[in-house]
All heavy atoms as atom14 arrays in JSON, in Angstrom:
{
  "sequence": "ERVGAEKKDGAWWGLRSYAPLVHVPTGGPWSFEYAPSYI",
  "atom14_mask": [
    [1, 1, 1, 1, 1, 1, 1, 1, 1, 0, 0, 0, 0, 0],
    [1, 1, 1, 1, 1, 1, 1, 1, 1, 1, 1, 0, 0, 0],
    [1, 1, 1, 1, 1, 1, 1, 0, 0, 0, 0, 0, 0, 0],
    [1, 1, 1, 1, 0, 0, 0, 0, 0, 0, 0, 0, 0, 0],
    [1, 1, 1, 1, 1, 0, 0, 0, 0, 0, 0, 0, 0, 0],
    [1, 1, 1, 1, 1, 1, 1, 1, 1, 0, 0, 0, 0, 0],
    [1, 1, 1, 1, 1, 1, 1, 1, 1, 0, 0, 0, 0, 0],
    [1, 1, 1, 1, 1, 1, 1, 1, 1, 0, 0, 0, 0, 0],
    [1, 1, 1, 1, 1, 1, 1, 1, 0, 0, 0, 0, 0, 0],
    [1, 1, 1, 1, 0, 0, 0, 0, 0, 0, 0, 0, 0, 0],
    [1, 1, 1, 1, 1, 0, 0, 0, 0, 0, 0, 0, 0, 0],
    [1, 1, 1, 1, 1, 1, 1, 1, 1, 1, 1, 1, 1, 1],
    [1, 1, 1, 1, 1, 1, 1, 1, 1, 1, 1, 1, 1, 1],
    [1, 1, 1, 1, 0, 0, 0, 0, 0, 0, 0, 0, 0, 0],
    [1, 1, 1, 1, 1, 1, 1, 1, 0, 0, 0, 0, 0, 0],
    [1, 1, 1, 1, 1, 1, 1, 1, 1, 1, 1, 0, 0, 0],
    [1, 1, 1, 1, 1, 1, 0, 0, 0, 0, 0, 0, 0, 0],
    [1, 1, 1, 1, 1, 1, 1, 1, 1, 1, 1, 1, 0, 0],
    [1, 1, 1, 1, 1, 0, 0, 0, 0, 0, 0, 0, 0, 0],
    [1, 1, 1, 1, 1, 1, 1, 0, 0, 0, 0, 0, 0, 0],
    [1, 1, 1, 1, 1, 1, 1, 1, 0, 0, 0, 0, 0, 0],
    [1, 1, 1, 1, 1, 1, 1, 0, 0, 0, 0, 0, 0, 0],
    [1, 1, 1, 1, 1, 1, 1, 1, 1, 1, 0, 0, 0, 0],
    [1, 1, 1, 1, 1, 1, 1, 0, 0, 0, 0, 0, 0, 0],
    [1, 1, 1, 1, 1, 1, 1, 0, 0, 0, 0, 0, 0, 0],
    [1, 1, 1, 1, 1, 1, 1, 0, 0, 0, 0, 0, 0, 0],
    [1, 1, 1, 1, 0, 0, 0, 0, 0, 0, 0, 0, 0, 0],
    [1, 1, 1, 1, 0, 0, 0, 0, 0, 0, 0, 0, 0, 0],
    [1, 1, 1, 1, 1, 1, 1, 0, 0, 0, 0, 0, 0, 0],
    [1, 1, 1, 1, 1, 1, 1, 1, 1, 1, 1, 1, 1, 1],
    [1, 1, 1, 1, 1, 1, 0, 0, 0, 0, 0, 0, 0, 0],
    [1, 1, 1, 1, 1, 1, 1, 1, 1, 1, 1, 0, 0, 0],
    [1, 1, 1, 1, 1, 1, 1, 1, 1, 0, 0, 0, 0, 0],
    [1, 1, 1, 1, 1, 1, 1, 1, 1, 1, 1, 1, 0, 0],
    [1, 1, 1, 1, 1, 0, 0, 0, 0, 0, 0, 0, 0, 0],
    [1, 1, 1, 1, 1, 1, 1, 0, 0, 0, 0, 0, 0, 0],
    [1, 1, 1, 1, 1, 1, 0, 0, 0, 0, 0, 0, 0, 0],
    [1, 1, 1, 1, 1, 1, 1, 1, 1, 1, 1, 1, 0, 0],
    [1, 1, 1, 1, 1, 1, 1, 1, 0, 0, 0, 0, 0, 0]
  ],
  "atom14_positions": [
    [[-0.39, -9.37, 11.63], [-1.22, -10.13, 12.55], [-1.58, -11.49, 11.98], [-1.94, -12.4, 12.74], [-2.51, -9.36, 12.81], [-2.28, -8.07, 13.59], [-3.55, -7.28, 13.8], [-4.65, -7.78, 13.34], [-3.51, -6.19, 14.39], [0.0, 0.0, 0.0], [0.0, 0.0, 0.0], [0.0, 0.0, 0.0], [0.0, 0.0, 0.0], [0.0, 0.0, 0.0]],
    [[-1.47, -11.65, 10.67], [-1.93, -12.93, 10.05], [-0.78, -13.83, 9.56], [-0.92, -15.05, 9.52], [-2.9, -12.59, 8.89], [-4.24, -12.17, 9.43], [-4.95, -11.15, 8.55], [-6.22, -10.73, 9.27], [-6.22, -9.77, 10.16], [-5.14, -9.11, 10.47], [-7.41, -9.48, 10.76], [0.0, 0.0, 0.0], [0.0, 0.0, 0.0], [0.0, 0.0, 0.0]],
    [[0.36, -13.21, 9.17], [1.44, -14.04, 8.68], [2.69, -13.92, 9.52], [3.67, -14.63, 9.32], [1.8, -13.69, 7.19], [0.59, -13.91, 6.35], [2.34, -12.32, 7.07], [0.0, 0.0, 0.0], [0.0, 0.0, 0.0], [0.0, 0.0, 0.0], [0.0, 0.0, 0.0], [0.0, 0.0, 0.0], [0.0, 0.0, 0.0], [0.0, 0.0, 0.0]],
    [[2.74, -12.95, 10.48], [3.88, -12.76, 11.33], [4.81, -11.69, 10.78], [4.81, -11.38, 9.56], [0.0, 0.0, 0.0], [0.0, 0.0, 0.0], [0.0, 0.0, 0.0], [0.0, 0.0, 0.0], [0.0, 0.0, 0.0], [0.0, 0.0, 0.0], [0.0, 0.0, 0.0], [0.0, 0.0, 0.0], [0.0, 0.0, 0.0], [0.0, 0.0, 0.0]],
    [[5.65, -11.16, 11.67], [6.49, -10.04, 11.27], [7.55, -10.44, 10.23], [7.92, -9.63, 9.38], [7.23, -9.53, 12.55], [0.0, 0.0, 0.0], [0.0, 0.0, 0.0], [0.0, 0.0, 0.0], [0.0, 0.0, 0.0], [0.0, 0.0, 0.0], [0.0, 0.0, 0.0], [0.0, 0.0, 0.0], [0.0, 0.0, 0.0], [0.0, 0.0, 0.0]],
    [[8.02, -11.67, 10.3], [9.11, -12.09, 9.36], [8.56, -12.19, 7.91], [9.29, -11.96, 6.96], [9.66, -13.43, 9.78], [10.49, -13.35, 11.09], [11.17, -14.7, 11.4], [10.94, -15.66, 10.66], [11.89, -14.74, 12.41], [0.0, 0.0, 0.0], [0.0, 0.0, 0.0], [0.0, 0.0, 0.0], [0.0, 0.0, 0.0], [0.0, 0.0, 0.0]],
    [[7.27, -12.54, 7.78], [6.74, -12.7, 6.42], [5.98, -11.45, 5.92], [5.56, -11.4, 4.77], [5.79, -13.88, 6.39], [6.42, -15.24, 6.68], [5.44, -16.38, 6.62], [6.09, -17.73, 6.84], [5.13, -18.85, 6.69], [0.0, 0.0, 0.0], [0.0, 0.0, 0.0], [0.0, 0.0, 0.0], [0.0, 0.0, 0.0], [0.0, 0.0, 0.0]],
    [[5.81, -10.49, 6.82], [4.98, -9.31, 6.5], [5.43, -8.58, 5.28], [4.65, -8.24, 4.37], [4.94, -8.43, 7.74], [4.28, -7.05, 7.51], [5.33, -5.94, 7.31], [6.23, -5.77, 8.52], [7.21, -4.72, 8.35], [0.0, 0.0, 0.0], [0.0, 0.0, 0.0], [0.0, 0.0, 0.0], [0.0, 0.0, 0.0], [0.0, 0.0, 0.0]],
    [[6.76, -8.3, 5.15], [7.23, -7.44, 4.02], [7.01, -8.19, 2.69], [6.59, -7.55, 1.74], [8.7, -7.16, 4.21], [8.98, -6.16, 5.33], [8.05, -5.46, 5.74], [10.11, -6.06, 5.79], [0.0, 0.0, 0.0], [0.0, 0.0, 0.0], [0.0, 0.0, 0.0], [0.0, 0.0, 0.0], [0.0, 0.0, 0.0], [0.0, 0.0, 0.0]],
    [[7.29, -9.49, 2.66], [7.08, -10.23, 1.42], [5.58, -10.27, 1.07], [5.23, -10.18, -0.11], [0.0, 0.0, 0.0], [0.0, 0.0, 0.0], [0.0, 0.0, 0.0], [0.0, 0.0, 0.0], [0.0, 0.0, 0.0], [0.0, 0.0, 0.0], [0.0, 0.0, 0.0], [0.0, 0.0, 0.0], [0.0, 0.0, 0.0], [0.0, 0.0, 0.0]],
    [[4.76, -10.46, 2.08], [3.29, -10.51, 1.83], [2.81, -9.19, 1.28], [2.02, -9.17, 0.29], [2.58, -10.87, 3.1], [0.0, 0.0, 0.0], [0.0, 0.0, 0.0], [0.0, 0.0, 0.0], [0.0, 0.0, 0.0], [0.0, 0.0, 0.0], [0.0, 0.0, 0.0], [0.0, 0.0, 0.0], [0.0, 0.0, 0.0], [0.0, 0.0, 0.0]],
    [[3.22, -8.08, 1.85], [2.78, -6.81, 1.38], [3.28, -6.48, 0.0], [2.6, -5.96, -0.87], [3.17, -5.72, 2.38], [2.87, -4.27, 2.02], [3.73, -3.23, 2.2], [1.68, -3.73, 1.38], [3.15, -2.08, 1.74], [1.92, -2.36, 1.23], [0.52, -4.32, 0.92], [0.95, -1.52, 0.64], [-0.44, -3.47, 0.34], [-0.21, -2.11, 0.21]],
    [[4.55, -6.83, -0.28], [5.08, -6.62, -1.64], [4.3, -7.33, -2.67], [4.07, -6.78, -3.77], [6.55, -7.08, -1.63], [7.3, -6.71, -2.87], [7.93, -5.57, -3.14], [7.47, -7.52, -4.04], [8.53, -5.61, -4.4], [8.25, -6.82, -4.96], [7.04, -8.82, -4.38], [8.61, -7.31, -6.22], [7.41, -9.35, -5.62], [8.21, -8.57, -6.51]],
    [[3.86, -8.52, -2.38], [3.09, -9.26, -3.4], [1.63, -8.79, -3.49], [1.09, -8.58, -4.57], [0.0, 0.0, 0.0], [0.0, 0.0, 0.0], [0.0, 0.0, 0.0], [0.0, 0.0, 0.0], [0.0, 0.0, 0.0], [0.0, 0.0, 0.0], [0.0, 0.0, 0.0], [0.0, 0.0, 0.0], [0.0, 0.0, 0.0], [0.0, 0.0, 0.0]],
    [[0.99, -8.57, -2.34], [-0.45, -8.24, -2.35], [-0.76, -6.85, -2.88], [-1.87, -6.58, -3.35], [-1.02, -8.42, -0.93], [-1.27, -9.87, -0.56], [-1.59, -9.95, 0.94], [-2.36, -10.52, -1.38], [0.0, 0.0, 0.0], [0.0, 0.0, 0.0], [0.0, 0.0, 0.0], [0.0, 0.0, 0.0], [0.0, 0.0, 0.0], [0.0, 0.0, 0.0]],
    [[0.21, -5.95, -2.86], [-0.11, -4.61, -3.33], [-0.42, -4.63, -4.85], [-1.05, -3.67, -5.37], [1.0, -3.64, -3.01], [2.29, -3.75, -3.81], [3.36, -2.77, -3.34], [3.78, -3.04, -2.04], [4.51, -2.21, -1.27], [4.78, -1.0, -1.75], [4.92, -2.55, -0.07], [0.0, 0.0, 0.0], [0.0, 0.0, 0.0], [0.0, 0.0, 0.0]],
    [[0.11, -5.59, -5.59], [-0.25, -5.72, -7.01], [-1.35, -6.75, -7.21], [-2.2, -6.61, -8.07], [0.97, -6.14, -7.82], [1.97, -5.17, -7.8], [0.0, 0.0, 0.0], [0.0, 0.0, 0.0], [0.0, 0.0, 0.0], [0.0, 0.0, 0.0], [0.0, 0.0, 0.0], [0.0, 0.0, 0.0], [0.0, 0.0, 0.0], [0.0, 0.0, 0.0]],
    [[-1.33, -7.79, -6.43], [-2.27, -8.91, -6.54], [-3.71, -8.5, -6.22], [-4.64, -8.85, -6.91], [-1.8, -10.03, -5.59], [-2.66, -11.29, -5.55], [-2.35, -12.37, -6.4], [-3.72, -11.41, -4.67], [-3.09, -13.54, -6.33], [-4.44, -12.59, -4.6], [-4.17, -13.66, -5.44], [-4.87, -14.8, -5.38], [0.0, 0.0, 0.0], [0.0, 0.0, 0.0]],
    [[-3.86, -7.66, -5.22], [-5.18, -7.25, -4.73], [-5.56, -5.95, -5.45], [-4.71, -5.1, -5.71], [-5.19, -7.03, -3.27], [0.0, 0.0, 0.0], [0.0, 0.0, 0.0], [0.0, 0.0, 0.0], [0.0, 0.0, 0.0], [0.0, 0.0, 0.0], [0.0, 0.0, 0.0], [0.0, 0.0, 0.0], [0.0, 0.0, 0.0], [0.0, 0.0, 0.0]],
    [[-6.88, -5.77, -5.82], [-7.31, -4.57, -6.49], [-7.42, -3.36, -5.51], [-8.44, -3.17, -4.89], [-8.63, -4.96, -7.07], [-9.14, -6.06, -6.2], [-7.96, -6.79, -5.74], [0.0, 0.0, 0.0], [0.0, 0.0, 0.0], [0.0, 0.0, 0.0], [0.0, 0.0, 0.0], [0.0, 0.0, 0.0], [0.0, 0.0, 0.0], [0.0, 0.0, 0.0]],
    [[-6.35, -2.63, -5.45], [-6.27, -1.44, -4.62], [-6.15, -0.21, -5.51], [-5.46, -0.26, -6.54], [-5.11, -1.45, -3.67], [-5.07, -2.6, -2.65], [-3.67, -2.58, -1.89], [-6.21, -2.51, -1.62], [0.0, 0.0, 0.0], [0.0, 0.0, 0.0], [0.0, 0.0, 0.0], [0.0, 0.0, 0.0], [0.0, 0.0, 0.0], [0.0, 0.0, 0.0]],
    [[-6.76, 0.91, -5.14], [-6.55, 2.16, -5.79], [-6.02, 3.16, -4.84], [-6.24, 3.05, -3.59], [-7.85, 2.69, -6.5], [-8.33, 1.69, -7.54], [-8.95, 3.0, -5.49], [0.0, 0.0, 0.0], [0.0, 0.0, 0.0], [0.0, 0.0, 0.0], [0.0, 0.0, 0.0], [0.0, 0.0, 0.0], [0.0, 0.0, 0.0], [0.0, 0.0, 0.0]],
    [[-5.27, 4.14, -5.3], [-4.68, 5.16, -4.45], [-5.72, 6.25, -4.11], [-6.57, 6.62, -4.96], [-3.47, 5.8, -5.1], [-2.31, 4.86, -5.15], [-1.04, 5.27, -4.77], [-2.19, 3.6, -5.59], [-0.19, 4.27, -4.92], [-0.87, 3.24, -5.4], [0.0, 0.0, 0.0], [0.0, 0.0, 0.0], [0.0, 0.0, 0.0], [0.0, 0.0, 0.0]],
    [[-5.62, 6.77, -2.9], [-6.49, 7.84, -2.41], [-5.66, 9.12, -2.41], [-4.51, 9.09, -1.9], [-7.06, 7.51, -1.04], [-7.89, 8.67, -0.51], [-7.83, 6.21, -1.09], [0.0, 0.0, 0.0], [0.0, 0.0, 0.0], [0.0, 0.0, 0.0], [0.0, 0.0, 0.0], [0.0, 0.0, 0.0], [0.0, 0.0, 0.0], [0.0, 0.0, 0.0]],
    [[-6.18, 10.28, -2.86], [-5.42, 11.5, -2.83], [-4.99, 11.83, -1.4], [-5.78, 11.65, -0.42], [-6.39, 12.54, -3.37], [-7.29, 11.78, -4.29], [-7.43, 10.44, -3.64], [0.0, 0.0, 0.0], [0.0, 0.0, 0.0], [0.0, 0.0, 0.0], [0.0, 0.0, 0.0], [0.0, 0.0, 0.0], [0.0, 0.0, 0.0], [0.0, 0.0, 0.0]],
    [[-3.74, 12.29, -1.26], [-3.2, 12.55, 0.04], [-2.78, 13.99, 0.19], [-2.16, 14.36, 1.19], [-1.95, 11.65, 0.3], [-1.09, 11.76, -0.79], [-2.4, 10.2, 0.49], [0.0, 0.0, 0.0], [0.0, 0.0, 0.0], [0.0, 0.0, 0.0], [0.0, 0.0, 0.0], [0.0, 0.0, 0.0], [0.0, 0.0, 0.0], [0.0, 0.0, 0.0]],
    [[-3.04, 14.83, -0.79], [-2.63, 16.26, -0.74], [-1.38, 16.51, -1.56], [-1.01, 15.73, -2.41], [0.0, 0.0, 0.0], [0.0, 0.0, 0.0], [0.0, 0.0, 0.0], [0.0, 0.0, 0.0], [0.0, 0.0, 0.0], [0.0, 0.0, 0.0], [0.0, 0.0, 0.0], [0.0, 0.0, 0.0], [0.0, 0.0, 0.0], [0.0, 0.0, 0.0]],
    [[-0.7, 17.63, -1.21], [0.46, 17.98, -1.94], [0.1, 18.71, -3.25], [-1.09, 18.79, -3.61], [0.0, 0.0, 0.0], [0.0, 0.0, 0.0], [0.0, 0.0, 0.0], [0.0, 0.0, 0.0], [0.0, 0.0, 0.0], [0.0, 0.0, 0.0], [0.0, 0.0, 0.0], [0.0, 0.0, 0.0], [0.0, 0.0, 0.0], [0.0, 0.0, 0.0]],
    [[1.1, 19.2, -3.98], [0.76, 19.99, -5.14], [0.09, 19.24, -6.29], [-0.52, 19.79, -7.16], [2.12, 20.55, -5.55], [3.13, 19.58, -5.03], [2.52, 19.11, -3.76], [0.0, 0.0, 0.0], [0.0, 0.0, 0.0], [0.0, 0.0, 0.0], [0.0, 0.0, 0.0], [0.0, 0.0, 0.0], [0.0, 0.0, 0.0], [0.0, 0.0, 0.0]],
    [[0.25, 17.86, -6.26], [-0.24, 17.06, -7.39], [-1.17, 15.95, -6.92], [-1.17, 14.88, -7.46], [0.92, 16.46, -8.17], [1.99, 17.45, -8.54], [3.24, 17.55, -8.02], [1.91, 18.49, -9.55], [3.93, 18.55, -8.58], [3.13, 19.17, -9.55], [0.92, 18.89, -10.42], [3.4, 20.24, -10.41], [1.17, 19.96, -11.3], [2.41, 20.62, -11.28]],
    [[-1.98, 16.2, -5.9], [-2.95, 15.31, -5.34], [-2.39, 14.12, -4.59], [-2.97, 13.66, -3.62], [-3.9, 14.75, -6.44], [-4.83, 15.7, -6.89], [0.0, 0.0, 0.0], [0.0, 0.0, 0.0], [0.0, 0.0, 0.0], [0.0, 0.0, 0.0], [0.0, 0.0, 0.0], [0.0, 0.0, 0.0], [0.0, 0.0, 0.0], [0.0, 0.0, 0.0]],
    [[-1.25, 13.62, -5.01], [-0.65, 12.44, -4.36], [0.75, 12.75, -3.91], [1.52, 13.41, -4.66], [-0.62, 11.23, -5.3], [-1.98, 10.83, -5.8], [-2.45, 11.28, -7.01], [-2.75, 9.94, -5.06], [-3.72, 10.89, -7.46], [-4.05, 9.58, -5.5], [-4.53, 10.09, -6.71], [0.0, 0.0, 0.0], [0.0, 0.0, 0.0], [0.0, 0.0, 0.0]],
    [[1.1, 12.33, -2.72], [2.45, 12.43, -2.24], [3.14, 11.09, -2.36], [2.56, 10.12, -2.84], [2.48, 12.95, -0.82], [1.86, 14.37, -0.71], [1.77, 14.86, 0.72], [1.19, 14.17, 1.56], [2.3, 15.96, 0.97], [0.0, 0.0, 0.0], [0.0, 0.0, 0.0], [0.0, 0.0, 0.0], [0.0, 0.0, 0.0], [0.0, 0.0, 0.0]],
    [[4.41, 11.01, -1.94], [5.15, 9.75, -2.15], [4.8, 8.7, -1.1], [5.08, 7.51, -1.29], [6.65, 10.05, -2.14], [7.1, 10.75, -3.39], [7.24, 12.08, -3.44], [7.27, 10.03, -4.56], [7.65, 12.75, -4.57], [7.68, 10.62, -5.74], [7.84, 12.0, -5.77], [8.22, 12.63, -6.92], [0.0, 0.0, 0.0], [0.0, 0.0, 0.0]],
    [[4.19, 9.04, -0.02], [3.65, 8.09, 0.96], [2.23, 7.8, 0.57], [1.35, 8.64, 0.87], [3.77, 8.62, 2.41], [0.0, 0.0, 0.0], [0.0, 0.0, 0.0], [0.0, 0.0, 0.0], [0.0, 0.0, 0.0], [0.0, 0.0, 0.0], [0.0, 0.0, 0.0], [0.0, 0.0, 0.0], [0.0, 0.0, 0.0], [0.0, 0.0, 0.0]],
    [[1.93, 6.69, -0.02], [0.57, 6.45, -0.58], [-0.42, 6.06, 0.5], [-0.14, 5.6, 1.56], [0.78, 5.3, -1.55], [1.95, 4.57, -1.06], [2.84, 5.6, -0.4], [0.0, 0.0, 0.0], [0.0, 0.0, 0.0], [0.0, 0.0, 0.0], [0.0, 0.0, 0.0], [0.0, 0.0, 0.0], [0.0, 0.0, 0.0], [0.0, 0.0, 0.0]],
    [[-1.73, 6.23, 0.09], [-2.82, 5.8, 0.85], [-3.69, 5.01, -0.08], [-3.88, 5.41, -1.25], [-3.62, 6.94, 1.48], [-4.7, 6.53, 2.24], [0.0, 0.0, 0.0], [0.0, 0.0, 0.0], [0.0, 0.0, 0.0], [0.0, 0.0, 0.0], [0.0, 0.0, 0.0], [0.0, 0.0, 0.0], [0.0, 0.0, 0.0], [0.0, 0.0, 0.0]],
    [[-4.32, 3.88, 0.37], [-5.01, 2.97, -0.53], [-6.42, 2.72, -0.02], [-6.71, 2.85, 1.19], [-4.35, 1.58, -0.54], [-2.88, 1.58, -0.87], [-1.9, 1.73, 0.12], [-2.43, 1.42, -2.19], [-0.56, 1.71, -0.18], [-1.07, 1.38, -2.5], [-0.14, 1.52, -1.47], [1.18, 1.53, -1.76], [0.0, 0.0, 0.0], [0.0, 0.0, 0.0]],
    [[-7.31, 2.32, -0.96], [-8.6, 1.86, -0.64], [-8.95, 0.74, -1.63], [-8.42, 0.75, -2.75], [-9.64, 2.95, -0.61], [-10.89, 2.51, 0.13], [-9.99, 3.41, -2.03], [-11.79, 3.69, 0.51], [0.0, 0.0, 0.0], [0.0, 0.0, 0.0], [0.0, 0.0, 0.0], [0.0, 0.0, 0.0], [0.0, 0.0, 0.0], [0.0, 0.0, 0.0]]
  ]
}
């Protein structure tokens, strides 16, 4: 919604490390599955 569909993947690839996000448990045998959830 802010950078457009063409720039979205690059923006998310960078911001997932740049911004302070932590993972939220999603279930499965080891608390986290391969599809992450963030806060």
